[in-house]
Amino acid sequence: MGTPETSREPCPDRILDDIGGAFGMGAVGGSAFHFIKGIYNSPNGHRVIGGAQAVRMNAPRVGGSFAVWGGLFSAFDCTMVYARQKEDPWNSIFAGASTGGFLAMRQGLGPASRAALFGGVLLALIEGAGIMLNKVMSAQQNMPMILEEPVPNMAGGPGFQLPGRGPQAEPASDSGWFGGWFGGKKEEPKASGVKTEVLESFDSPVPPTFEFK
């Protein structure tokens, strides 16, 4: 899975891509915000017209502000990539701090420093959240699947037989639904083992006699 740095556009095209994305995000978000605000501030009977007029007046300005921020951020990011010759989260953090300080430069050194610090901390939090999310998703994808094997039935299940005995077939029972009503015949279990046979020669009823002639 690619990191947020490696999955982005290459550096010359990244600036235009971020400008367009930031303008679209600002225009859509600004439209929703100023439409609700225009409806709230307009009198009864003219709320929808007031909301549409507020969107027409303020949405392009918000989109342009976002586009300026996105363009400056991408420009500083590409500058850091060219200077350091590698892609890592530190480029985005430095770019966020430079963008915040550059946009607040007209207000003085103190506000510019605070804006730069705020921009750096904000981008550090965003990059940290992205790295943690990538680690969690990669760990879930690389997690091995554990298949639980069934426990063998030691009480005479299939494939198991007691020593000295062969497999025994279960007698067919007639004690089903009809057997329960009409008194099905129960089969007696057959005794397994060796039959004992009695020889007739040892069970003769007539004793032998000896006659002398």
C-alpha atoms as a PDB file:
ATOM      1  CA  MET A   1       0.000   0.000   0.000  1.00  0.00           C
ATOM      2  CA  GLY A   2       1.408   3.361  -1.016  1.00  0.00           C
ATOM      3  CA  THR A   3       1.943   6.189   1.414  1.00  0.00           C
ATOM      4  CA  PRO A   4       0.200   9.561   0.893  1.00  0.00           C
ATOM      5  CA  GLU A   5       3.469  10.954  -0.506  1.00  0.00           C
ATOM      6  CA  THR A   6       4.099   8.230  -3.080  1.00  0.00           C
ATOM      7  CA  SER A   7       0.456   7.992  -4.198  1.00  0.00           C
ATOM      8  CA  ARG A   8       0.250  11.686  -5.171  1.00  0.00           C
ATOM      9  CA  GLU A   9       0.909  13.195  -8.579  1.00  0.00           C
ATOM     10  CA  PRO A  10       4.494  14.003  -9.588  1.00  0.00           C
ATOM     11  CA  CYS A  11       5.735  17.374  -8.532  1.00  0.00           C
ATOM     12  CA  PRO A  12       5.089  19.651 -11.538  1.00  0.00           C
ATOM     13  CA  ASP A  13       1.546  18.333 -11.958  1.00  0.00           C
ATOM     14  CA  ARG A  14       0.924  18.261  -8.219  1.00  0.00           C
ATOM     15  CA  ILE A  15       0.570  22.042  -8.003  1.00  0.00           C
ATOM     16  CA  LEU A  16      -2.261  22.254 -10.551  1.00  0.00           C
ATOM     17  CA  ASP A  17      -3.930  19.189  -9.071  1.00  0.00           C
ATOM     18  CA  ASP A  18      -3.915  20.675  -5.559  1.00  0.00           C
ATOM     19  CA  ILE A  19      -5.122  24.065  -6.810  1.00  0.00           C
ATOM     20  CA  GLY A  20      -8.131  22.500  -8.537  1.00  0.00           C
ATOM     21  CA  GLY A  21      -8.950  20.191  -5.634  1.00  0.00           C
ATOM     22  CA  ALA A  22      -8.670  22.968  -3.066  1.00  0.00           C
ATOM     23  CA  PHE A  23     -10.855  25.310  -5.146  1.00  0.00           C
ATOM     24  CA  GLY A  24     -13.546  22.649  -5.549  1.00  0.00           C
ATOM     25  CA  MET A  25     -13.508  21.810  -1.841  1.00  0.00           C
ATOM     26  CA  GLY A  26     -13.694  25.464  -0.851  1.00  0.00           C
ATOM     27  CA  ALA A  27     -16.453  26.233  -3.347  1.00  0.00           C
ATOM     28  CA  VAL A  28     -18.637  23.313  -2.261  1.00  0.00           C
ATOM     29  CA  GLY A  29     -18.088  23.879   1.461  1.00  0.00           C
ATOM     30  CA  GLY A  30     -18.483  27.641   1.128  1.00  0.00           C
ATOM     31  CA  SER A  31     -21.681  27.225  -0.876  1.00  0.00           C
ATOM     32  CA  ALA A  32     -23.267  25.048   1.783  1.00  0.00           C
ATOM     33  CA  PHE A  33     -22.168  27.341   4.615  1.00  0.00           C
ATOM     34  CA  HIS A  34     -23.211  30.627   3.024  1.00  0.00           C
ATOM     35  CA  PHE A  35     -26.506  29.211   1.723  1.00  0.00           C
ATOM     36  CA  ILE A  36     -27.530  28.237   5.260  1.00  0.00           C
ATOM     37  CA  LYS A  37     -26.263  31.543   6.578  1.00  0.00           C
ATOM     38  CA  GLY A  38     -28.168  33.473   3.856  1.00  0.00           C
ATOM     39  CA  ILE A  39     -31.397  31.614   4.639  1.00  0.00           C
ATOM     40  CA  TYR A  40     -30.987  32.380   8.337  1.00  0.00           C
ATOM     41  CA  ASN A  41     -30.312  36.110   7.801  1.00  0.00           C
ATOM     42  CA  SER A  42     -32.980  36.699   5.126  1.00  0.00           C
ATOM     43  CA  PRO A  43     -36.545  37.824   5.958  1.00  0.00           C
ATOM     44  CA  ASN A  44     -39.550  35.554   5.595  1.00  0.00           C
ATOM     45  CA  GLY A  45     -40.606  34.989   2.021  1.00  0.00           C
ATOM     46  CA  HIS A  46     -37.135  35.715   0.630  1.00  0.00           C
ATOM     47  CA  ARG A  47     -35.034  33.097   2.392  1.00  0.00           C
ATOM     48  CA  VAL A  48     -34.255  30.927  -0.643  1.00  0.00           C
ATOM     49  CA  ILE A  49     -33.427  33.973  -2.770  1.00  0.00           C
ATOM     50  CA  GLY A  50     -31.233  35.368   0.018  1.00  0.00           C
ATOM     51  CA  GLY A  51     -29.417  32.049   0.397  1.00  0.00           C
ATOM     52  CA  ALA A  52     -28.755  31.821  -3.352  1.00  0.00           C
ATOM     53  CA  GLN A  53     -27.491  35.404  -3.438  1.00  0.00           C
ATOM     54  CA  ALA A  54     -25.140  34.737  -0.496  1.00  0.00           C
ATOM     55  CA  VAL A  55     -23.760  31.704  -2.304  1.00  0.00           C
ATOM     56  CA  ARG A  56     -23.210  33.692  -5.507  1.00  0.00           C
ATOM     57  CA  MET A  57     -21.339  36.418  -3.647  1.00  0.00           C
ATOM     58  CA  ASN A  58     -19.218  34.389  -1.227  1.00  0.00           C
ATOM     59  CA  ALA A  59     -18.635  30.899  -2.648  1.00  0.00           C
ATOM     60  CA  PRO A  60     -16.090  31.994  -5.335  1.00  0.00           C
ATOM     61  CA  ARG A  61     -14.162  33.985  -2.740  1.00  0.00           C
ATOM     62  CA  VAL A  62     -13.927  31.003  -0.380  1.00  0.00           C
ATOM     63  CA  GLY A  63     -12.932  28.714  -3.264  1.00  0.00           C
ATOM     64  CA  GLY A  64     -10.236  31.182  -4.352  1.00  0.00           C
ATOM     65  CA  SER A  65      -8.821  31.379  -0.824  1.00  0.00           C
ATOM     66  CA  PHE A  66      -8.606  27.596  -0.656  1.00  0.00           C
ATOM     67  CA  ALA A  67      -7.002  27.500  -4.104  1.00  0.00           C
ATOM     68  CA  VAL A  68      -4.339  30.011  -3.038  1.00  0.00           C
ATOM     69  CA  TRP A  69      -3.546  27.989   0.079  1.00  0.00           C
ATOM     70  CA  GLY A  70      -3.397  24.718  -1.905  1.00  0.00           C
ATOM     71  CA  GLY A  71      -1.181  26.220  -4.604  1.00  0.00           C
ATOM     72  CA  LEU A  72       1.289  27.689  -2.120  1.00  0.00           C
ATOM     73  CA  PHE A  73       1.375  24.470  -0.134  1.00  0.00           C
ATOM     74  CA  SER A  74       2.137  22.400  -3.251  1.00  0.00           C
ATOM     75  CA  ALA A  75       4.782  24.889  -4.390  1.00  0.00           C
ATOM     76  CA  PHE A  76       6.578  24.711  -1.043  1.00  0.00           C
ATOM     77  CA  ASP A  77       6.184  20.932  -0.986  1.00  0.00           C
ATOM     78  CA  CYS A  78       7.783  20.583  -4.410  1.00  0.00           C
ATOM     79  CA  THR A  79      10.578  22.927  -3.317  1.00  0.00           C
ATOM     80  CA  MET A  80      11.305  20.714  -0.297  1.00  0.00           C
ATOM     81  CA  VAL A  81      11.231  17.594  -2.470  1.00  0.00           C
ATOM     82  CA  TYR A  82      13.750  19.155  -4.859  1.00  0.00           C
ATOM     83  CA  ALA A  83      15.980  20.363  -2.013  1.00  0.00           C
ATOM     84  CA  ARG A  84      15.953  17.136   0.027  1.00  0.00           C
ATOM     85  CA  GLN A  85      15.655  14.688  -2.896  1.00  0.00           C
ATOM     86  CA  LYS A  86      13.192  12.424  -1.098  1.00  0.00           C
ATOM     87  CA  GLU A  87       9.510  12.101  -0.295  1.00  0.00           C
ATOM     88  CA  ASP A  88       8.542  11.899   3.380  1.00  0.00           C
ATOM     89  CA  PRO A  89       6.089  13.573   5.804  1.00  0.00           C
ATOM     90  CA  TRP A  90       8.642  16.222   6.754  1.00  0.00           C
ATOM     91  CA  ASN A  91       8.156  17.885   3.365  1.00  0.00           C
ATOM     92  CA  SER A  92       4.438  18.377   4.054  1.00  0.00           C
ATOM     93  CA  ILE A  93       5.102  19.672   7.575  1.00  0.00           C
ATOM     94  CA  PHE A  94       7.622  22.242   6.339  1.00  0.00           C
ATOM     95  CA  ALA A  95       5.299  23.192   3.475  1.00  0.00           C
ATOM     96  CA  GLY A  96       2.379  23.756   5.871  1.00  0.00           C
ATOM     97  CA  ALA A  97       4.487  25.932   8.164  1.00  0.00           C
ATOM     98  CA  SER A  98       5.856  27.944   5.223  1.00  0.00           C
ATOM     99  CA  THR A  99       2.383  28.436   3.741  1.00  0.00           C
ATOM    100  CA  GLY A 100       0.899  29.657   7.020  1.00  0.00           C
ATOM    101  CA  GLY A 101       3.765  32.055   7.631  1.00  0.00           C
ATOM    102  CA  PHE A 102       3.750  33.357   4.057  1.00  0.00           C
ATOM    103  CA  LEU A 103       0.017  34.114   4.046  1.00  0.00           C
ATOM    104  CA  ALA A 104       0.267  36.000   7.394  1.00  0.00           C
ATOM    105  CA  MET A 105       3.426  37.892   6.457  1.00  0.00           C
ATOM    106  CA  ARG A 106       1.626  41.202   5.900  1.00  0.00           C
ATOM    107  CA  GLN A 107       0.362  41.230   9.491  1.00  0.00           C
ATOM    108  CA  GLY A 108       3.833  41.290  11.040  1.00  0.00           C
ATOM    109  CA  LEU A 109       6.454  38.932  12.361  1.00  0.00           C
ATOM    110  CA  GLY A 110       4.524  37.785  15.422  1.00  0.00           C
ATOM    111  CA  PRO A 111       1.306  36.761  13.616  1.00  0.00           C
ATOM    112  CA  ALA A 112       3.363  35.194  10.824  1.00  0.00           C
ATOM    113  CA  SER A 113       5.317  33.093  13.328  1.00  0.00           C
ATOM    114  CA  ARG A 114       2.127  31.942  15.044  1.00  0.00           C
ATOM    115  CA  ALA A 115       0.522  31.096  11.707  1.00  0.00           C
ATOM    116  CA  ALA A 116       3.625  29.164  10.663  1.00  0.00           C
ATOM    117  CA  LEU A 117       3.579  27.222  13.940  1.00  0.00           C
ATOM    118  CA  PHE A 118      -0.124  26.501  13.576  1.00  0.00           C
ATOM    119  CA  GLY A 119       0.320  25.327   9.983  1.00  0.00           C
ATOM    120  CA  GLY A 120       3.218  23.042  10.910  1.00  0.00           C
ATOM    121  CA  VAL A 121       1.348  21.472  13.834  1.00  0.00           C
ATOM    122  CA  LEU A 122      -1.792  20.996  11.735  1.00  0.00           C
ATOM    123  CA  LEU A 123       0.102  19.250   8.936  1.00  0.00           C
ATOM    124  CA  ALA A 124       1.997  17.146  11.482  1.00  0.00           C
ATOM    125  CA  LEU A 125      -1.309  15.913  12.935  1.00  0.00           C
ATOM    126  CA  ILE A 126      -2.692  15.169   9.474  1.00  0.00           C
ATOM    127  CA  GLU A 127       0.438  13.275   8.415  1.00  0.00           C
ATOM    128  CA  GLY A 128       0.529  11.351  11.693  1.00  0.00           C
ATOM    129  CA  ALA A 129      -3.081  10.293  11.300  1.00  0.00           C
ATOM    130  CA  GLY A 130      -2.393   9.170   7.739  1.00  0.00           C
ATOM    131  CA  ILE A 131       0.633   7.101   8.780  1.00  0.00           C
ATOM    132  CA  MET A 132      -1.295   5.420  11.600  1.00  0.00           C
ATOM    133  CA  LEU A 133      -4.189   4.631   9.264  1.00  0.00           C
ATOM    134  CA  ASN A 134      -1.831   3.095   6.702  1.00  0.00           C
ATOM    135  CA  LYS A 135      -0.181   0.953   9.387  1.00  0.00           C
ATOM    136  CA  VAL A 136      -3.513  -0.313  10.682  1.00  0.00           C
ATOM    137  CA  MET A 137      -4.768  -1.188   7.200  1.00  0.00           C
ATOM    138  CA  SER A 138      -1.510  -2.904   6.208  1.00  0.00           C
ATOM    139  CA  ALA A 139      -1.508  -4.892   9.462  1.00  0.00           C
ATOM    140  CA  GLN A 140      -5.052  -6.089   8.772  1.00  0.00           C
ATOM    141  CA  GLN A 141      -4.130  -7.154   5.239  1.00  0.00           C
ATOM    142  CA  ASN A 142      -1.000  -9.020   6.369  1.00  0.00           C
ATOM    143  CA  MET A 143      -2.713 -10.776   9.266  1.00  0.00           C
ATOM    144  CA  PRO A 144      -2.602 -14.593   8.727  1.00  0.00           C
ATOM    145  CA  MET A 145      -5.874 -16.464   8.718  1.00  0.00           C
ATOM    146  CA  ILE A 146      -6.128 -19.029  11.535  1.00  0.00           C
ATOM    147  CA  LEU A 147      -8.304 -22.059  10.795  1.00  0.00           C
ATOM    148  CA  GLU A 148      -9.584 -23.928  13.812  1.00  0.00           C
ATOM    149  CA  GLU A 149      -9.291 -27.702  13.461  1.00  0.00           C
ATOM    150  CA  PRO A 150     -12.195 -29.800  14.784  1.00  0.00           C
ATOM    151  CA  VAL A 151     -11.526 -31.664  18.011  1.00  0.00           C
ATOM    152  CA  PRO A 152     -11.460 -35.458  17.416  1.00  0.00           C
ATOM    153  CA  ASN A 153     -14.368 -37.346  18.942  1.00  0.00           C
ATOM    154  CA  MET A 154     -12.838 -39.731  21.481  1.00  0.00           C
ATOM    155  CA  ALA A 155     -16.183 -41.361  22.308  1.00  0.00           C
ATOM    156  CA  GLY A 156     -16.423 -43.414  19.139  1.00  0.00           C
ATOM    157  CA  GLY A 157     -16.924 -40.875  16.378  1.00  0.00           C
ATOM    158  CA  PRO A 158     -16.253 -41.553  12.714  1.00  0.00           C
ATOM    159  CA  GLY A 159     -12.820 -42.944  12.090  1.00  0.00           C
ATOM    160  CA  PHE A 160     -12.414 -44.108  15.703  1.00  0.00           C
ATOM    161  CA  GLN A 161     -12.855 -47.641  16.992  1.00  0.00           C
ATOM    162  CA  LEU A 162     -12.098 -49.297  20.242  1.00  0.00           C
ATOM    163  CA  PRO A 163      -9.147 -51.702  20.366  1.00  0.00           C
ATOM    164  CA  GLY A 164     -10.116 -55.314  19.729  1.00  0.00           C
ATOM    165  CA  ARG A 165     -13.390 -54.420  18.042  1.00  0.00           C
ATOM    166  CA  GLY A 166     -14.268 -53.824  14.494  1.00  0.00           C
ATOM    167  CA  PRO A 167     -16.632 -51.190  13.221  1.00  0.00           C
ATOM    168  CA  GLN A 168     -20.179 -51.854  14.322  1.00  0.00           C
ATOM    169  CA  ALA A 169     -23.132 -50.918  12.217  1.00  0.00           C
ATOM    170  CA  GLU A 170     -25.941 -49.146  13.966  1.00  0.00           C
ATOM    171  CA  PRO A 171     -29.187 -51.170  13.820  1.00  0.00           C
ATOM    172  CA  ALA A 172     -32.013 -49.615  11.920  1.00  0.00           C
ATOM    173  CA  SER A 173     -34.597 -48.481  14.394  1.00  0.00           C
ATOM    174  CA  ASP A 174     -38.324 -48.576  13.702  1.00  0.00           C
ATOM    175  CA  SER A 175     -39.069 -46.254  16.557  1.00  0.00           C
ATOM    176  CA  GLY A 176     -39.829 -43.354  14.243  1.00  0.00           C
ATOM    177  CA  TRP A 177     -43.066 -41.413  14.077  1.00  0.00           C
ATOM    178  CA  PHE A 178     -45.097 -44.448  13.033  1.00  0.00           C
ATOM    179  CA  GLY A 179     -43.214 -46.682  15.432  1.00  0.00           C
ATOM    180  CA  GLY A 180     -44.122 -44.466  18.342  1.00  0.00           C
ATOM    181  CA  TRP A 181     -47.840 -44.755  17.501  1.00  0.00           C
ATOM    182  CA  PHE A 182     -48.119 -48.395  16.435  1.00  0.00           C
ATOM    183  CA  GLY A 183     -45.516 -49.935  18.737  1.00  0.00           C
ATOM    184  CA  GLY A 184     -42.582 -50.613  16.499  1.00  0.00           C
ATOM    185  CA  LYS A 185     -40.617 -53.753  17.049  1.00  0.00           C
ATOM    186  CA  LYS A 186     -37.408 -53.261  18.920  1.00  0.00           C
ATOM    187  CA  GLU A 187     -34.458 -55.254  17.742  1.00  0.00           C
ATOM    188  CA  GLU A 188     -32.334 -56.909  20.325  1.00  0.00           C
ATOM    189  CA  PRO A 189     -28.658 -56.103  20.091  1.00  0.00           C
ATOM    190  CA  LYS A 190     -26.622 -58.955  18.730  1.00  0.00           C
ATOM    191  CA  ALA A 191     -23.880 -60.186  20.985  1.00  0.00           C
ATOM    192  CA  SER A 192     -20.503 -59.915  19.427  1.00  0.00           C
ATOM    193  CA  GLY A 193     -17.881 -62.506  20.151  1.00  0.00           C
ATOM    194  CA  VAL A 194     -17.051 -66.157  19.524  1.00  0.00           C
ATOM    195  CA  LYS A 195     -19.880 -68.734  19.445  1.00  0.00           C
ATOM    196  CA  THR A 196     -19.574 -71.611  21.873  1.00  0.00           C
ATOM    197  CA  GLU A 197     -20.568 -74.910  20.272  1.00  0.00           C
ATOM    198  CA  VAL A 198     -21.090 -78.093  22.280  1.00  0.00           C
ATOM    199  CA  LEU A 199     -19.942 -81.303  20.654  1.00  0.00           C
ATOM    200  CA  GLU A 200     -22.574 -84.063  20.552  1.00  0.00           C
ATOM    201  CA  SER A 201     -20.070 -86.757  21.316  1.00  0.00           C
ATOM    202  CA  PHE A 202     -19.639 -85.506  24.836  1.00  0.00           C
ATOM    203  CA  ASP A 203     -23.378 -85.230  25.380  1.00  0.00           C
ATOM    204  CA  SER A 204     -24.394 -88.859  24.592  1.00  0.00           C
ATOM    205  CA  PRO A 205     -27.403 -90.101  26.694  1.00  0.00           C
ATOM    206  CA  VAL A 206     -26.508 -93.841  26.448  1.00  0.00           C
ATOM    207  CA  PRO A 207     -23.463 -94.998  28.411  1.00  0.00           C
ATOM    208  CA  PRO A 208     -21.156 -97.508  26.695  1.00  0.00           C
ATOM    209  CA  THR A 209     -21.601-101.242  27.676  1.00  0.00           C
ATOM    210  CA  PHE A 210     -19.087-104.077  27.461  1.00  0.00           C
ATOM    211  CA  GLU A 211     -20.500-107.566  26.689  1.00  0.00           C
ATOM    212  CA  PHE A 212     -18.425-110.798  26.601  1.00  0.00           C
ATOM    213  CA  LYS A 213     -19.639-113.504  24.325  1.00  0.00           C
END
